[in-house]
C-alpha atoms as a PDB file:
ATOM      1  CA  MET A   1       0.185   0.340  -0.143  1.00  0.00           C
ATOM      2  CA  THR A   2       1.354   3.507  -0.991  1.00  0.00           C
ATOM      3  CA  LEU A   3      -0.420   5.504   1.456  1.00  0.00           C
ATOM      4  CA  VAL A   4      -0.835   4.310   5.346  1.00  0.00           C
ATOM      5  CA  SER A   5      -3.601   6.129   7.154  1.00  0.00           C
ATOM      6  CA  THR A   6      -2.781   7.886  10.617  1.00  0.00           C
ATOM      7  CA  ASP A   7      -4.817   5.198  12.479  1.00  0.00           C
ATOM      8  CA  TRP A   8      -2.487   2.463  10.627  1.00  0.00           C
ATOM      9  CA  LEU A   9       0.979   4.270  11.618  1.00  0.00           C
ATOM     10  CA  ASN A  10      -0.739   4.485  15.117  1.00  0.00           C
ATOM     11  CA  GLU A  11      -0.908   1.072  15.832  1.00  0.00           C
ATOM     12  CA  ASN A  12       2.365   0.250  14.240  1.00  0.00           C
ATOM     13  CA  LEU A  13       4.904   2.469  15.404  1.00  0.00           C
ATOM     14  CA  ASN A  14       7.111   0.211  16.786  1.00  0.00           C
ATOM     15  CA  LYS A  15       6.806  -2.300  13.492  1.00  0.00           C
ATOM     16  CA  VAL A  16       8.449  -0.042  10.873  1.00  0.00           C
ATOM     17  CA  LYS A  17      10.787   2.545  10.373  1.00  0.00           C
ATOM     18  CA  ILE A  18       9.413   6.023  10.201  1.00  0.00           C
ATOM     19  CA  ILE A  19      11.273   8.611   8.378  1.00  0.00           C
ATOM     20  CA  ASP A  20      10.756  12.881   8.598  1.00  0.00           C
ATOM     21  CA  ALA A  21      11.284  14.124   4.867  1.00  0.00           C
ATOM     22  CA  SER A  22      10.213  17.638   5.527  1.00  0.00           C
ATOM     23  CA  TRP A  23      11.270  20.114   3.254  1.00  0.00           C
ATOM     24  CA  HIS A  24      10.025  23.832   2.625  1.00  0.00           C
ATOM     25  CA  LEU A  25      10.552  26.340  -0.098  1.00  0.00           C
ATOM     26  CA  VAL A  26       9.624  29.438   2.080  1.00  0.00           C
ATOM     27  CA  LYS A  27      12.631  30.203   4.422  1.00  0.00           C
ATOM     28  CA  ASN A  28      10.465  31.623   7.417  1.00  0.00           C
ATOM     29  CA  ARG A  29      10.406  27.733   8.116  1.00  0.00           C
ATOM     30  CA  ASN A  30      13.427  25.312   8.871  1.00  0.00           C
ATOM     31  CA  ALA A  31      12.338  21.250   8.776  1.00  0.00           C
ATOM     32  CA  ILE A  32      15.520  20.263  10.888  1.00  0.00           C
ATOM     33  CA  GLU A  33      14.488  22.843  13.990  1.00  0.00           C
ATOM     34  CA  GLU A  34      10.732  21.555  13.770  1.00  0.00           C
ATOM     35  CA  TYR A  35      11.816  18.169  13.797  1.00  0.00           C
ATOM     36  CA  ASN A  36      13.928  18.544  16.591  1.00  0.00           C
ATOM     37  CA  LYS A  37      11.035  20.553  18.346  1.00  0.00           C
ATOM     38  CA  GLU A  38       8.513  17.843  17.807  1.00  0.00           C
ATOM     39  CA  HIS A  39       8.443  14.554  15.646  1.00  0.00           C
ATOM     40  CA  ILE A  40       6.495  11.572  15.583  1.00  0.00           C
ATOM     41  CA  GLU A  41       7.957   8.806  18.065  1.00  0.00           C
ATOM     42  CA  ASN A  42      11.130   6.925  16.457  1.00  0.00           C
ATOM     43  CA  ALA A  43      10.969   9.284  13.437  1.00  0.00           C
ATOM     44  CA  ILE A  44      14.707   9.742  11.793  1.00  0.00           C
ATOM     45  CA  PHE A  45      15.024  12.810  10.088  1.00  0.00           C
ATOM     46  CA  PHE A  46      15.716  12.973   5.998  1.00  0.00           C
ATOM     47  CA  ASP A  47      17.551  15.899   4.913  1.00  0.00           C
ATOM     48  CA  LEU A  48      15.894  16.542   1.233  1.00  0.00           C
ATOM     49  CA  ASP A  49      18.646  19.396   0.606  1.00  0.00           C
ATOM     50  CA  LYS A  50      21.802  17.209   1.789  1.00  0.00           C
ATOM     51  CA  ASN A  51      20.437  14.086   0.463  1.00  0.00           C
ATOM     52  CA  SER A  52      20.407  15.579  -3.128  1.00  0.00           C
ATOM     53  CA  ASN A  53      23.105  16.128  -5.563  1.00  0.00           C
ATOM     54  CA  GLN A  54      22.990  19.925  -5.669  1.00  0.00           C
ATOM     55  CA  ARG A  55      24.306  21.293  -8.873  1.00  0.00           C
ATOM     56  CA  LYS A  56      25.933  24.681  -8.237  1.00  0.00           C
ATOM     57  CA  ASP A  57      24.156  26.465 -11.567  1.00  0.00           C
ATOM     58  CA  LEU A  58      20.922  25.134 -10.254  1.00  0.00           C
ATOM     59  CA  PRO A  59      19.281  26.773  -7.391  1.00  0.00           C
ATOM     60  CA  HIS A  60      17.293  24.368  -5.457  1.00  0.00           C
ATOM     61  CA  GLY A  61      17.254  21.815  -7.906  1.00  0.00           C
ATOM     62  CA  HIS A  62      16.894  18.448  -6.270  1.00  0.00           C
ATOM     63  CA  PHE A  63      18.760  16.191  -8.379  1.00  0.00           C
ATOM     64  CA  LEU A  64      19.456  12.825  -7.117  1.00  0.00           C
ATOM     65  CA  PRO A  65      22.772  11.573  -5.185  1.00  0.00           C
ATOM     66  CA  SER A  66      24.821   8.944  -6.390  1.00  0.00           C
ATOM     67  CA  ALA A  67      23.923   5.402  -5.457  1.00  0.00           C
ATOM     68  CA  GLY A  68      27.244   5.214  -3.208  1.00  0.00           C
ATOM     69  CA  GLU A  69      26.126   8.610  -1.435  1.00  0.00           C
ATOM     70  CA  HIS A  70      22.339   7.241  -1.225  1.00  0.00           C
ATOM     71  CA  GLU A  71      23.877   4.320   0.551  1.00  0.00           C
ATOM     72  CA  LYS A  72      26.016   6.151   2.743  1.00  0.00           C
ATOM     73  CA  VAL A  73      22.913   8.366   4.269  1.00  0.00           C
ATOM     74  CA  VAL A  74      20.542   5.763   4.339  1.00  0.00           C
ATOM     75  CA  SER A  75      22.895   3.425   6.552  1.00  0.00           C
ATOM     76  CA  GLU A  76      23.638   6.133   8.468  1.00  0.00           C
ATOM     77  CA  MET A  77      20.001   6.178   9.051  1.00  0.00           C
ATOM     78  CA  GLY A  78      20.164   2.416  10.197  1.00  0.00           C
ATOM     79  CA  ILE A  79      17.676   1.566   7.705  1.00  0.00           C
ATOM     80  CA  LEU A  80      18.241  -2.136   6.050  1.00  0.00           C
ATOM     81  CA  ASN A  81      17.079  -3.262   2.325  1.00  0.00           C
ATOM     82  CA  ASN A  82      14.039  -4.904   3.810  1.00  0.00           C
ATOM     83  CA  ASP A  83      12.716  -2.476   6.203  1.00  0.00           C
ATOM     84  CA  ARG A  84       9.111  -1.385   6.152  1.00  0.00           C
ATOM     85  CA  ILE A  85       9.321   1.994   5.586  1.00  0.00           C
ATOM     86  CA  ILE A  86       6.768   4.962   6.470  1.00  0.00           C
ATOM     87  CA  ILE A  87       7.836   8.697   5.345  1.00  0.00           C
ATOM     88  CA  TYR A  88       5.756  11.512   6.437  1.00  0.00           C
ATOM     89  CA  CYS A  89       6.445  15.201   6.356  1.00  0.00           C
ATOM     90  CA  TYR A  90       5.052  18.922   7.429  1.00  0.00           C
ATOM     91  CA  SER A  91       5.250  20.490   4.297  1.00  0.00           C
ATOM     92  CA  ASP A  92       2.669  21.582   1.727  1.00  0.00           C
ATOM     93  CA  LEU A  93       4.341  20.489  -1.085  1.00  0.00           C
ATOM     94  CA  ILE A  94       4.434  17.300   0.361  1.00  0.00           C
ATOM     95  CA  SER A  95       7.948  16.644   0.318  1.00  0.00           C
ATOM     96  CA  SER A  96       7.599  13.032   1.613  1.00  0.00           C
ATOM     97  CA  CYS A  97       6.533  11.656  -2.074  1.00  0.00           C
ATOM     98  CA  ARG A  98       9.767  13.195  -3.289  1.00  0.00           C
ATOM     99  CA  ALA A  99      11.834  11.210  -0.391  1.00  0.00           C
ATOM    100  CA  TRP A 100       9.231   7.858  -1.516  1.00  0.00           C
ATOM    101  CA  PHE A 101      10.624   8.224  -5.102  1.00  0.00           C
ATOM    102  CA  GLN A 102      14.239   8.332  -3.886  1.00  0.00           C
ATOM    103  CA  PHE A 103      14.131   5.182  -1.860  1.00  0.00           C
ATOM    104  CA  ILE A 104      12.153   3.153  -4.836  1.00  0.00           C
ATOM    105  CA  TYR A 105      14.489   4.890  -7.234  1.00  0.00           C
ATOM    106  CA  PHE A 106      17.283   3.255  -5.844  1.00  0.00           C
ATOM    107  CA  GLY A 107      15.979   0.066  -5.321  1.00  0.00           C
ATOM    108  CA  HIS A 108      13.817  -0.041  -2.126  1.00  0.00           C
ATOM    109  CA  ASP A 109      10.948  -2.640  -2.809  1.00  0.00           C
ATOM    110  CA  PRO A 110       7.794  -0.195  -3.707  1.00  0.00           C
ATOM    111  CA  LYS A 111       5.732  -2.581  -1.385  1.00  0.00           C
ATOM    112  CA  LEU A 112       7.898  -1.842   1.709  1.00  0.00           C
ATOM    113  CA  VAL A 113       7.830   2.170   1.021  1.00  0.00           C
ATOM    114  CA  SER A 114       4.643   3.998   2.207  1.00  0.00           C
ATOM    115  CA  VAL A 115       3.759   7.793   2.657  1.00  0.00           C
ATOM    116  CA  LEU A 116       1.661   8.492   5.644  1.00  0.00           C
ATOM    117  CA  ASN A 117      -1.744  10.490   4.229  1.00  0.00           C
ATOM    118  CA  GLY A 118      -1.781  13.900   5.347  1.00  0.00           C
ATOM    119  CA  GLY A 119       1.644  13.810   7.223  1.00  0.00           C
ATOM    120  CA  MET A 120       2.205  15.583  10.506  1.00  0.00           C
ATOM    121  CA  LYS A 121      -0.457  18.283   9.359  1.00  0.00           C
ATOM    122  CA  LYS A 122      -3.707  15.395  10.081  1.00  0.00           C
ATOM    123  CA  TRP A 123      -1.163  13.624  12.735  1.00  0.00           C
ATOM    124  CA  LYS A 124      -1.245  17.060  14.659  1.00  0.00           C
ATOM    125  CA  LEU A 125      -4.615  17.775  13.737  1.00  0.00           C
ATOM    126  CA  GLU A 126      -6.002  14.656  15.296  1.00  0.00           C
ATOM    127  CA  ASP A 127      -4.031  15.401  18.758  1.00  0.00           C
ATOM    128  CA  ARG A 128      -1.727  12.435  18.065  1.00  0.00           C
ATOM    129  CA  LYS A 129       1.565  11.925  20.102  1.00  0.00           C
ATOM    130  CA  VAL A 130       4.504  13.537  19.343  1.00  0.00           C
ATOM    131  CA  THR A 131       8.137  13.876  20.936  1.00  0.00           C
ATOM    132  CA  ASN A 132      11.068  15.871  20.746  1.00  0.00           C
ATOM    133  CA  GLN A 133      13.442  12.773  22.129  1.00  0.00           C
ATOM    134  CA  LYS A 134      16.236  12.228  20.055  1.00  0.00           C
ATOM    135  CA  THR A 135      15.506   8.622  18.197  1.00  0.00           C
ATOM    136  CA  GLU A 136      18.202   5.757  18.675  1.00  0.00           C
ATOM    137  CA  ILE A 137      19.725   4.831  15.269  1.00  0.00           C
ATOM    138  CA  ILE A 138      22.130   1.594  14.815  1.00  0.00           C
ATOM    139  CA  PRO A 139      24.030   2.284  11.870  1.00  0.00           C
ATOM    140  CA  SER A 140      23.285  -0.544   8.878  1.00  0.00           C
ATOM    141  CA  LYS A 141      24.970  -1.481   5.806  1.00  0.00           C
ATOM    142  CA  TYR A 142      22.454  -0.494   3.092  1.00  0.00           C
ATOM    143  CA  LYS A 143      22.770  -1.446  -0.529  1.00  0.00           C
ATOM    144  CA  ALA A 144      21.293   0.744  -3.451  1.00  0.00           C
ATOM    145  CA  ASN A 145      20.366  -0.667  -6.648  1.00  0.00           C
ATOM    146  CA  GLU A 146      19.806   2.219  -9.087  1.00  0.00           C
ATOM    147  CA  ASN A 147      16.842   2.482 -11.989  1.00  0.00           C
ATOM    148  CA  LYS A 148      17.483   5.238 -14.225  1.00  0.00           C
ATOM    149  CA  ASN A 149      14.552   4.341 -16.257  1.00  0.00           C
ATOM    150  CA  MET A 150      12.358   6.421 -13.641  1.00  0.00           C
ATOM    151  CA  ILE A 151      13.923   9.797 -14.613  1.00  0.00           C
ATOM    152  CA  LYS A 152      14.148  12.148 -17.589  1.00  0.00           C
ATOM    153  CA  ILE A 153      16.627  14.621 -17.896  1.00  0.00           C
ATOM    154  CA  LYS A 154      16.709  17.860 -20.128  1.00  0.00           C
ATOM    155  CA  SER A 155      17.912  16.600 -23.317  1.00  0.00           C
ATOM    156  CA  GLN A 156      14.941  13.630 -23.235  1.00  0.00           C
ATOM    157  CA  ILE A 157      12.438  16.524 -22.400  1.00  0.00           C
ATOM    158  CA  VAL A 158      13.767  18.661 -25.541  1.00  0.00           C
ATOM    159  CA  GLU A 159      13.540  15.621 -27.796  1.00  0.00           C
ATOM    160  CA  ASN A 160       9.921  14.923 -26.718  1.00  0.00           C
ATOM    161  CA  ILE A 161       8.583  18.416 -27.776  1.00  0.00           C
ATOM    162  CA  LYS A 162       9.115  17.086 -31.495  1.00  0.00           C
ATOM    163  CA  LYS A 163       8.406  13.333 -30.972  1.00  0.00           C
ATOM    164  CA  LYS A 164       5.682  13.699 -28.157  1.00  0.00           C
ATOM    165  CA  ASP A 165       6.207  10.240 -27.033  1.00  0.00           C
ATOM    166  CA  PHE A 166       5.076  11.180 -23.442  1.00  0.00           C
ATOM    167  CA  THR A 167       3.338  13.819 -21.683  1.00  0.00           C
ATOM    168  CA  ILE A 168       4.571  16.069 -19.277  1.00  0.00           C
ATOM    169  CA  LEU A 169       2.453  16.765 -16.178  1.00  0.00           C
ATOM    170  CA  ASP A 170       3.173  19.956 -14.242  1.00  0.00           C
ATOM    171  CA  ALA A 171       2.807  20.375 -10.559  1.00  0.00           C
ATOM    172  CA  ARG A 172       3.352  23.901 -10.180  1.00  0.00           C
ATOM    173  CA  SER A 173       0.385  26.286  -9.802  1.00  0.00           C
ATOM    174  CA  LYS A 174      -1.725  26.938 -12.687  1.00  0.00           C
ATOM    175  CA  ASN A 175      -0.387  31.236 -12.681  1.00  0.00           C
ATOM    176  CA  ARG A 176       2.868  29.716 -12.613  1.00  0.00           C
ATOM    177  CA  PHE A 177       2.568  27.287 -15.098  1.00  0.00           C
ATOM    178  CA  LEU A 178       0.869  30.567 -17.628  1.00  0.00           C
ATOM    179  CA  ALA A 179       4.161  32.724 -16.513  1.00  0.00           C
ATOM    180  CA  LEU A 180       1.310  35.161 -15.078  1.00  0.00           C
ATOM    181  CA  GLU A 181       3.167  35.182 -11.528  1.00  0.00           C
ATOM    182  CA  PRO A 182       6.706  35.106 -11.342  1.00  0.00           C
ATOM    183  CA  GLU A 183       9.290  32.108 -10.311  1.00  0.00           C
ATOM    184  CA  PRO A 184      10.013  31.817  -6.356  1.00  0.00           C
ATOM    185  CA  ARG A 185      13.652  31.154  -7.414  1.00  0.00           C
ATOM    186  CA  PRO A 186      16.035  33.875  -8.810  1.00  0.00           C
ATOM    187  CA  GLY A 187      17.309  33.352 -12.338  1.00  0.00           C
ATOM    188  CA  ILE A 188      14.055  31.318 -13.550  1.00  0.00           C
ATOM    189  CA  ARG A 189      11.661  32.718 -16.099  1.00  0.00           C
ATOM    190  CA  GLY A 190       8.052  32.220 -16.019  1.00  0.00           C
ATOM    191  CA  GLY A 191       5.765  29.520 -18.395  1.00  0.00           C
ATOM    192  CA  SER A 192       6.313  25.757 -19.105  1.00  0.00           C
ATOM    193  CA  ILE A 193       7.587  23.169 -20.949  1.00  0.00           C
ATOM    194  CA  GLU A 194       6.087  23.090 -24.721  1.00  0.00           C
ATOM    195  CA  GLY A 195       3.238  20.775 -24.773  1.00  0.00           C
ATOM    196  CA  SER A 196       3.171  19.952 -21.119  1.00  0.00           C
ATOM    197  CA  LYS A 197      -0.206  19.982 -19.201  1.00  0.00           C
ATOM    198  CA  SER A 198      -0.945  21.784 -15.724  1.00  0.00           C
ATOM    199  CA  MET A 199      -2.156  19.882 -12.968  1.00  0.00           C
ATOM    200  CA  PRO A 200      -1.296  21.510  -9.427  1.00  0.00           C
ATOM    201  CA  LEU A 201      -0.656  20.099  -6.769  1.00  0.00           C
ATOM    202  CA  SER A 202      -3.380  21.567  -4.593  1.00  0.00           C
ATOM    203  CA  GLU A 203      -5.968  20.393  -6.882  1.00  0.00           C
ATOM    204  CA  ILE A 204      -5.353  16.578  -6.127  1.00  0.00           C
ATOM    205  CA  VAL A 205      -4.989  16.958  -2.074  1.00  0.00           C
ATOM    206  CA  ASN A 206      -7.325  18.147   0.594  1.00  0.00           C
ATOM    207  CA  VAL A 207      -5.859  21.452   1.884  1.00  0.00           C
ATOM    208  CA  LYS A 208      -7.343  21.050   5.315  1.00  0.00           C
ATOM    209  CA  ASP A 209      -5.001  17.892   6.008  1.00  0.00           C
ATOM    210  CA  ASN A 210      -2.735  17.700   3.263  1.00  0.00           C
ATOM    211  CA  THR A 211      -4.252  13.838   2.252  1.00  0.00           C
ATOM    212  CA  PHE A 212      -4.864  12.848  -1.004  1.00  0.00           C
ATOM    213  CA  LEU A 213      -8.253  12.811  -2.779  1.00  0.00           C
ATOM    214  CA  ASP A 214     -10.073   9.460  -2.782  1.00  0.00           C
ATOM    215  CA  THR A 215      -9.193   7.262  -6.214  1.00  0.00           C
ATOM    216  CA  LYS A 216     -12.435   7.936  -7.948  1.00  0.00           C
ATOM    217  CA  LYS A 217     -11.767  11.832  -7.746  1.00  0.00           C
ATOM    218  CA  LEU A 218      -8.365  11.397  -8.598  1.00  0.00           C
ATOM    219  CA  ARG A 219      -9.177   9.361 -11.727  1.00  0.00           C
ATOM    220  CA  ASP A 220     -11.621  11.930 -12.578  1.00  0.00           C
ATOM    221  CA  ILE A 221      -8.985  14.576 -12.563  1.00  0.00           C
ATOM    222  CA  PHE A 222      -6.821  12.736 -14.315  1.00  0.00           C
ATOM    223  CA  ASN A 223      -9.267  11.375 -16.735  1.00  0.00           C
ATOM    224  CA  SER A 224     -10.187  15.284 -17.273  1.00  0.00           C
ATOM    225  CA  SER A 225      -6.369  15.725 -18.660  1.00  0.00           C
ATOM    226  CA  LYS A 226      -6.913  12.881 -20.714  1.00  0.00           C
ATOM    227  CA  ILE A 227      -4.274  10.891 -18.838  1.00  0.00           C
ATOM    228  CA  SER A 228      -4.954   7.123 -19.157  1.00  0.00           C
ATOM    229  CA  SER A 229      -1.550   5.671 -20.046  1.00  0.00           C
ATOM    230  CA  ASN A 230       1.909   4.912 -18.557  1.00  0.00           C
ATOM    231  CA  LYS A 231       3.375   7.299 -20.915  1.00  0.00           C
ATOM    232  CA  ILE A 232       3.313  10.284 -18.725  1.00  0.00           C
ATOM    233  CA  VAL A 233       6.384  12.156 -16.809  1.00  0.00           C
ATOM    234  CA  MET A 234       5.877  14.451 -14.113  1.00  0.00           C
ATOM    235  CA  SER A 235       7.554  17.926 -13.490  1.00  0.00           C
ATOM    236  CA  CYS A 236       7.222  20.862 -11.053  1.00  0.00           C
ATOM    237  CA  GLY A 237       9.751  23.504  -9.933  1.00  0.00           C
ATOM    238  CA  SER A 238      12.541  21.555  -8.623  1.00  0.00           C
ATOM    239  CA  SER A 239      11.175  17.643  -8.792  1.00  0.00           C
ATOM    240  CA  VAL A 240       9.388  17.622  -5.317  1.00  0.00           C
ATOM    241  CA  SER A 241       5.872  18.093  -5.815  1.00  0.00           C
ATOM    242  CA  ALA A 242       6.212  16.414  -9.370  1.00  0.00           C
ATOM    243  CA  ALA A 243       6.739  13.261  -7.101  1.00  0.00           C
ATOM    244  CA  SER A 244       3.178  13.785  -5.180  1.00  0.00           C
ATOM    245  CA  LEU A 245       1.807  13.667  -8.972  1.00  0.00           C
ATOM    246  CA  ALA A 246       3.459  10.384  -9.758  1.00  0.00           C
ATOM    247  CA  LEU A 247       2.094   9.004  -6.055  1.00  0.00           C
ATOM    248  CA  ALA A 248      -1.483  10.171  -7.042  1.00  0.00           C
ATOM    249  CA  TYR A 249      -1.125   8.433 -10.200  1.00  0.00           C
ATOM    250  CA  SER A 250       0.162   5.334  -8.877  1.00  0.00           C
ATOM    251  CA  LEU A 251      -2.830   4.965  -6.481  1.00  0.00           C
ATOM    252  CA  ILE A 252      -5.032   4.454  -9.686  1.00  0.00           C
ATOM    253  CA  ASN A 253      -2.443   2.890 -12.059  1.00  0.00           C
ATOM    254  CA  ASP A 254      -1.200  -0.179 -10.488  1.00  0.00           C
ATOM    255  CA  ASP A 255       1.282  -0.633 -13.572  1.00  0.00           C
ATOM    256  CA  TYR A 256       2.391   2.774 -13.423  1.00  0.00           C
ATOM    257  CA  ILE A 257       6.329   3.370 -12.656  1.00  0.00           C
ATOM    258  CA  PRO A 258       6.883   6.955 -11.184  1.00  0.00           C
ATOM    259  CA  LYS A 259       9.014   8.849 -13.761  1.00  0.00           C
ATOM    260  CA  ILE A 260      10.202  12.526 -13.107  1.00  0.00           C
ATOM    261  CA  TYR A 261      12.033  14.972 -15.051  1.00  0.00           C
ATOM    262  CA  ILE A 262      14.722  15.469 -12.298  1.00  0.00           C
ATOM    263  CA  GLY A 263      15.679  19.074 -13.456  1.00  0.00           C
ATOM    264  CA  SER A 264      11.740  20.126 -13.939  1.00  0.00           C
ATOM    265  CA  TRP A 265      11.217  23.952 -14.366  1.00  0.00           C
ATOM    266  CA  THR A 266      14.321  25.124 -12.163  1.00  0.00           C
ATOM    267  CA  GLU A 267      16.620  23.533 -14.798  1.00  0.00           C
ATOM    268  CA  PHE A 268      14.555  23.752 -18.160  1.00  0.00           C
ATOM    269  CA  GLY A 269      13.247  27.681 -17.105  1.00  0.00           C
ATOM    270  CA  LYS A 270      16.856  28.492 -16.564  1.00  0.00           C
ATOM    271  CA  LYS A 271      17.339  32.292 -18.024  1.00  0.00           C
END
């Protein structure tokens, strides 16, 4: 199951490895400080900025690290290849989905990786227990197995503009997609990839508690965009919310293997 409920996690806290993958685009929130103040019991913090290949030519570009780098980080988190992992976040971008994508990309069994539906937002709305106690970690020896078919790079996106082999869905807001409002990152022009379609993250989640819409509503949304095949690649600003689209589509299409344009608009829209 790709998503687990707060009820399910509450009943299985000591049977799984829990990861806090919070990440905020806005500068007035600091994910690690929030984690240190309060987190779900036994949760381990996953720093998305540090656990990405931060290309210096792209501001906030969340390119994937090397397999060796991922192995090192996950081993330091004390996670084993056969661990059942539950990932949550306290981010409006639902950054937990980006960590979900990264674990699957590096070979963790998709059946063993789930996202907490609603994350910390729903957990706190329900007045569930949080703690500031440091989680005890026993380092492991994690082994990664990279699946490069899950990402697209810029040259493939450019080539697809002519060939139209797949459809690109963009998770940014409609106004950013249409260049009606500026990008939040400096040096990035407004607009979108030629031929791509807009599917804002805000349209597939319940804003009140950050849960995903039910499968019937998700199916209607994807169908209204004439998306009904596996030839679909997700994009956004820096490949964070793109992963939320990938997770949402996997909820209604069992055969879909998540695919993301890893550079997203931060790379494609660079001035």
